[in-house]
Every structure is written in structure tokens, then in C-alpha cells.
Amino acid sequence: MSEINDIKEPELKIPTKDELIERYALVQNISKAEAETQVNAETVEDVLKNIEEKTLEKIRSTQVPMNRAQRRALRKKVGAKKYSEMVADSGDVVSAVSETAKKLNYIDLIQKLRKLNEEKEKNGETTIEDN
């Protein structure tokens, strides 16, 4: 019974600004210098905010507005009431789709970071969580 009480929660270390920029460069497949110019800021929170803005900008630049058939299919899929709420809340359906794409991109980023951490652990390097 004492084994259950002995389990400790892992300590999570907040990554530094340089670590965030380095990871952003790895995920975006750009150099660290380019990543610094894109998202450099004074604090970790500002760096995260800049990364989020760049990601949204990239998503929006590749998004094509929905045509009438796509809008009707979405309305049929989610229902007229929900569709009306999406349009009212976000201003248009494209914003709702961009929010979903943002969430999916965030999930993808987390998965890539986990994969990088696993590779580092296999190579014997320390990860950010280990520090």
C-alpha cells in the first residue's frame, strides 16, 4: 500500500526561450536563426504567442474559402442551429474551420515534440522534461 503513496508526480520544467525557438525551428524545418527572427520576443509567453500567430497565419494563407456546396454540406452535417451559431460566433465559417485547424496543428506539434523527445531519449540525450 505504501508503494502507491511513494509515487511522485514528475516535475515539469518550463522551457526557456531558446529551447522554444529551437523546437519551433525543428518543427517548421527552418534554421534557428530564421526561427529567432520570426518569433523572437522578450519573454517565454511572448514567444509562445508569436509562435501561435505564425501558425495561424500559415494556416489562413493556405485555406481556400468554402464554396456553396461545401457550406451546405457543413450545414447538413452539423445541423442548421449549430451552423448558425458557428457563423454568429466566428463571423463566418472560415474562422470556425481555422479554429479547428489551429487545434489540429497544435495536436500535431505536440506529437512531433513527443517524437523528438523519444528520439533524444534513445540517443541518450537529456530532454527538457528531464532537466
C-alpha atoms as a PDB file:
ATOM      1  CA  MET A   1       0.000   0.000   0.000  1.00  0.00           C
ATOM      2  CA  SER A   2       2.900   2.354   0.672  1.00  0.00           C
ATOM      3  CA  GLU A   3       4.028   1.948  -2.951  1.00  0.00           C
ATOM      4  CA  ILE A   4       1.051   3.943  -4.113  1.00  0.00           C
ATOM      5  CA  ASN A   5       1.896   6.808  -1.780  1.00  0.00           C
ATOM      6  CA  ASP A   6       5.541   6.795  -2.874  1.00  0.00           C
ATOM      7  CA  ILE A   7       4.731   7.627  -6.491  1.00  0.00           C
ATOM      8  CA  LYS A   8       5.746  11.193  -7.204  1.00  0.00           C
ATOM      9  CA  GLU A   9       4.414  13.424  -9.874  1.00  0.00           C
ATOM     10  CA  PRO A  10       7.048  14.317 -12.452  1.00  0.00           C
ATOM     11  CA  GLU A  11       8.275  17.851 -12.176  1.00  0.00           C
ATOM     12  CA  LEU A  12       7.562  19.865 -15.279  1.00  0.00           C
ATOM     13  CA  LYS A  13      10.152  22.423 -16.204  1.00  0.00           C
ATOM     14  CA  ILE A  14       9.046  25.425 -18.180  1.00  0.00           C
ATOM     15  CA  PRO A  15      11.157  25.567 -21.328  1.00  0.00           C
ATOM     16  CA  THR A  16      13.402  28.556 -21.888  1.00  0.00           C
ATOM     17  CA  LYS A  17      13.013  30.987 -24.728  1.00  0.00           C
ATOM     18  CA  ASP A  18      15.941  29.443 -26.615  1.00  0.00           C
ATOM     19  CA  GLU A  19      14.523  25.942 -26.232  1.00  0.00           C
ATOM     20  CA  LEU A  20      11.158  27.050 -27.609  1.00  0.00           C
ATOM     21  CA  ILE A  21      12.789  28.733 -30.589  1.00  0.00           C
ATOM     22  CA  GLU A  22      14.921  25.657 -31.211  1.00  0.00           C
ATOM     23  CA  ARG A  23      11.877  23.368 -31.172  1.00  0.00           C
ATOM     24  CA  TYR A  24       9.919  25.745 -33.405  1.00  0.00           C
ATOM     25  CA  ALA A  25      12.796  25.630 -35.906  1.00  0.00           C
ATOM     26  CA  LEU A  26      12.809  21.809 -35.831  1.00  0.00           C
ATOM     27  CA  VAL A  27       9.061  21.521 -36.355  1.00  0.00           C
ATOM     28  CA  GLN A  28       8.962  24.130 -39.142  1.00  0.00           C
ATOM     29  CA  ASN A  29      12.135  22.770 -40.803  1.00  0.00           C
ATOM     30  CA  ILE A  30      13.880  26.119 -40.770  1.00  0.00           C
ATOM     31  CA  SER A  31      17.172  27.272 -39.307  1.00  0.00           C
ATOM     32  CA  LYS A  32      17.386  28.520 -35.749  1.00  0.00           C
ATOM     33  CA  ALA A  33      18.362  31.990 -36.999  1.00  0.00           C
ATOM     34  CA  GLU A  34      15.215  32.177 -39.146  1.00  0.00           C
ATOM     35  CA  ALA A  35      13.087  30.988 -36.238  1.00  0.00           C
ATOM     36  CA  GLU A  36      14.596  33.664 -33.987  1.00  0.00           C
ATOM     37  CA  THR A  37      13.731  36.408 -36.465  1.00  0.00           C
ATOM     38  CA  GLN A  38      10.178  35.084 -36.821  1.00  0.00           C
ATOM     39  CA  VAL A  39       9.212  34.595 -33.172  1.00  0.00           C
ATOM     40  CA  ASN A  40      11.813  36.385 -31.048  1.00  0.00           C
ATOM     41  CA  ALA A  41      10.415  38.229 -28.033  1.00  0.00           C
ATOM     42  CA  GLU A  42      11.407  39.237 -24.509  1.00  0.00           C
ATOM     43  CA  THR A  43       9.538  36.601 -22.515  1.00  0.00           C
ATOM     44  CA  VAL A  44       8.571  32.959 -22.932  1.00  0.00           C
ATOM     45  CA  GLU A  45       4.885  33.919 -23.054  1.00  0.00           C
ATOM     46  CA  ASP A  46       5.536  36.363 -25.891  1.00  0.00           C
ATOM     47  CA  VAL A  47       7.494  33.734 -27.818  1.00  0.00           C
ATOM     48  CA  LEU A  48       4.584  31.281 -27.442  1.00  0.00           C
ATOM     49  CA  LYS A  49       2.153  33.980 -28.566  1.00  0.00           C
ATOM     50  CA  ASN A  50       4.299  34.749 -31.623  1.00  0.00           C
ATOM     51  CA  ILE A  51       4.522  31.049 -32.485  1.00  0.00           C
ATOM     52  CA  GLU A  52       0.736  30.791 -32.286  1.00  0.00           C
ATOM     53  CA  GLU A  53       0.306  33.848 -34.524  1.00  0.00           C
ATOM     54  CA  LYS A  54       2.747  32.500 -37.119  1.00  0.00           C
ATOM     55  CA  THR A  55       0.989  29.144 -37.102  1.00  0.00           C
ATOM     56  CA  LEU A  56      -2.430  30.757 -37.581  1.00  0.00           C
ATOM     57  CA  GLU A  57      -1.034  32.959 -40.337  1.00  0.00           C
ATOM     58  CA  LYS A  58       0.344  29.893 -42.122  1.00  0.00           C
ATOM     59  CA  ILE A  59      -2.993  28.070 -41.789  1.00  0.00           C
ATOM     60  CA  ARG A  60      -5.020  31.016 -43.054  1.00  0.00           C
ATOM     61  CA  SER A  61      -2.714  31.569 -46.021  1.00  0.00           C
ATOM     62  CA  THR A  62      -3.283  28.014 -47.247  1.00  0.00           C
ATOM     63  CA  GLN A  63      -7.033  27.993 -46.629  1.00  0.00           C
ATOM     64  CA  VAL A  64      -9.433  28.353 -49.520  1.00  0.00           C
ATOM     65  CA  PRO A  65     -12.888  29.763 -48.758  1.00  0.00           C
ATOM     66  CA  MET A  66     -15.678  27.218 -48.913  1.00  0.00           C
ATOM     67  CA  ASN A  67     -17.952  27.243 -51.918  1.00  0.00           C
ATOM     68  CA  ARG A  68     -21.720  26.966 -51.707  1.00  0.00           C
ATOM     69  CA  ALA A  69     -21.789  23.169 -51.901  1.00  0.00           C
ATOM     70  CA  GLN A  70     -19.212  22.862 -49.102  1.00  0.00           C
ATOM     71  CA  ARG A  71     -21.142  25.307 -46.909  1.00  0.00           C
ATOM     72  CA  ARG A  72     -24.374  23.359 -47.498  1.00  0.00           C
ATOM     73  CA  ALA A  73     -22.623  20.048 -46.708  1.00  0.00           C
ATOM     74  CA  LEU A  74     -21.258  21.504 -43.473  1.00  0.00           C
ATOM     75  CA  ARG A  75     -24.684  22.856 -42.558  1.00  0.00           C
ATOM     76  CA  LYS A  76     -26.232  19.446 -43.187  1.00  0.00           C
ATOM     77  CA  LYS A  77     -23.508  17.694 -41.196  1.00  0.00           C
ATOM     78  CA  VAL A  78     -23.642  19.874 -38.055  1.00  0.00           C
ATOM     79  CA  GLY A  79     -27.273  20.927 -38.266  1.00  0.00           C
ATOM     80  CA  ALA A  80     -28.811  24.266 -39.071  1.00  0.00           C
ATOM     81  CA  LYS A  81     -28.816  25.534 -35.475  1.00  0.00           C
ATOM     82  CA  LYS A  82     -25.185  24.663 -34.815  1.00  0.00           C
ATOM     83  CA  TYR A  83     -24.177  26.090 -38.194  1.00  0.00           C
ATOM     84  CA  SER A  84     -25.927  29.366 -37.354  1.00  0.00           C
ATOM     85  CA  GLU A  85     -24.113  29.500 -34.010  1.00  0.00           C
ATOM     86  CA  MET A  86     -20.767  28.895 -35.711  1.00  0.00           C
ATOM     87  CA  VAL A  87     -21.402  31.693 -38.180  1.00  0.00           C
ATOM     88  CA  ALA A  88     -22.628  34.055 -35.450  1.00  0.00           C
ATOM     89  CA  ASP A  89     -19.770  33.267 -33.057  1.00  0.00           C
ATOM     90  CA  SER A  90     -16.930  33.358 -35.518  1.00  0.00           C
ATOM     91  CA  GLY A  91     -18.217  35.798 -38.069  1.00  0.00           C
ATOM     92  CA  ASP A  92     -18.003  33.228 -40.837  1.00  0.00           C
ATOM     93  CA  VAL A  93     -17.477  29.540 -41.325  1.00  0.00           C
ATOM     94  CA  VAL A  94     -13.875  30.033 -42.439  1.00  0.00           C
ATOM     95  CA  SER A  95     -12.996  31.276 -38.960  1.00  0.00           C
ATOM     96  CA  ALA A  96     -14.580  28.200 -37.412  1.00  0.00           C
ATOM     97  CA  VAL A  97     -12.572  25.996 -39.719  1.00  0.00           C
ATOM     98  CA  SER A  98      -9.392  27.925 -38.930  1.00  0.00           C
ATOM     99  CA  GLU A  99     -10.010  27.407 -35.202  1.00  0.00           C
ATOM    100  CA  THR A 100     -10.350  23.676 -35.810  1.00  0.00           C
ATOM    101  CA  ALA A 101      -7.218  23.699 -37.956  1.00  0.00           C
ATOM    102  CA  LYS A 102      -5.411  25.598 -35.207  1.00  0.00           C
ATOM    103  CA  LYS A 103      -6.322  22.921 -32.681  1.00  0.00           C
ATOM    104  CA  LEU A 104      -5.287  20.145 -35.048  1.00  0.00           C
ATOM    105  CA  ASN A 105      -1.985  21.899 -35.746  1.00  0.00           C
ATOM    106  CA  TYR A 106      -1.381  22.226 -32.015  1.00  0.00           C
ATOM    107  CA  ILE A 107      -2.020  18.500 -31.556  1.00  0.00           C
ATOM    108  CA  ASP A 108       0.358  17.756 -34.428  1.00  0.00           C
ATOM    109  CA  LEU A 109       3.014  19.982 -32.847  1.00  0.00           C
ATOM    110  CA  ILE A 110       2.692  18.134 -29.539  1.00  0.00           C
ATOM    111  CA  GLN A 111       3.019  14.783 -31.290  1.00  0.00           C
ATOM    112  CA  LYS A 112       6.134  15.927 -33.147  1.00  0.00           C
ATOM    113  CA  LEU A 113       7.686  17.212 -29.935  1.00  0.00           C
ATOM    114  CA  ARG A 114       6.977  13.903 -28.202  1.00  0.00           C
ATOM    115  CA  LYS A 115       8.584  12.047 -31.083  1.00  0.00           C
ATOM    116  CA  LEU A 116      11.665  14.294 -30.879  1.00  0.00           C
ATOM    117  CA  ASN A 117      11.892  13.673 -27.137  1.00  0.00           C
ATOM    118  CA  GLU A 118      11.652   9.915 -27.680  1.00  0.00           C
ATOM    119  CA  GLU A 119      14.453  10.072 -30.241  1.00  0.00           C
ATOM    120  CA  LYS A 120      16.608  12.078 -27.861  1.00  0.00           C
ATOM    121  CA  GLU A 121      15.990   9.554 -25.093  1.00  0.00           C
ATOM    122  CA  LYS A 122      17.015   6.724 -27.408  1.00  0.00           C
ATOM    123  CA  ASN A 123      20.219   8.580 -28.249  1.00  0.00           C
ATOM    124  CA  GLY A 124      20.956   9.163 -24.561  1.00  0.00           C
ATOM    125  CA  GLU A 125      20.470  12.912 -24.663  1.00  0.00           C
ATOM    126  CA  THR A 126      18.573  14.747 -21.961  1.00  0.00           C
ATOM    127  CA  THR A 127      15.164  16.160 -22.734  1.00  0.00           C
ATOM    128  CA  ILE A 128      13.598  19.341 -21.497  1.00  0.00           C
ATOM    129  CA  GLU A 129      11.386  17.359 -19.142  1.00  0.00           C
ATOM    130  CA  ASP A 130      14.459  15.660 -17.624  1.00  0.00           C
ATOM    131  CA  ASN A 131      16.198  18.931 -16.724  1.00  0.00           C
END
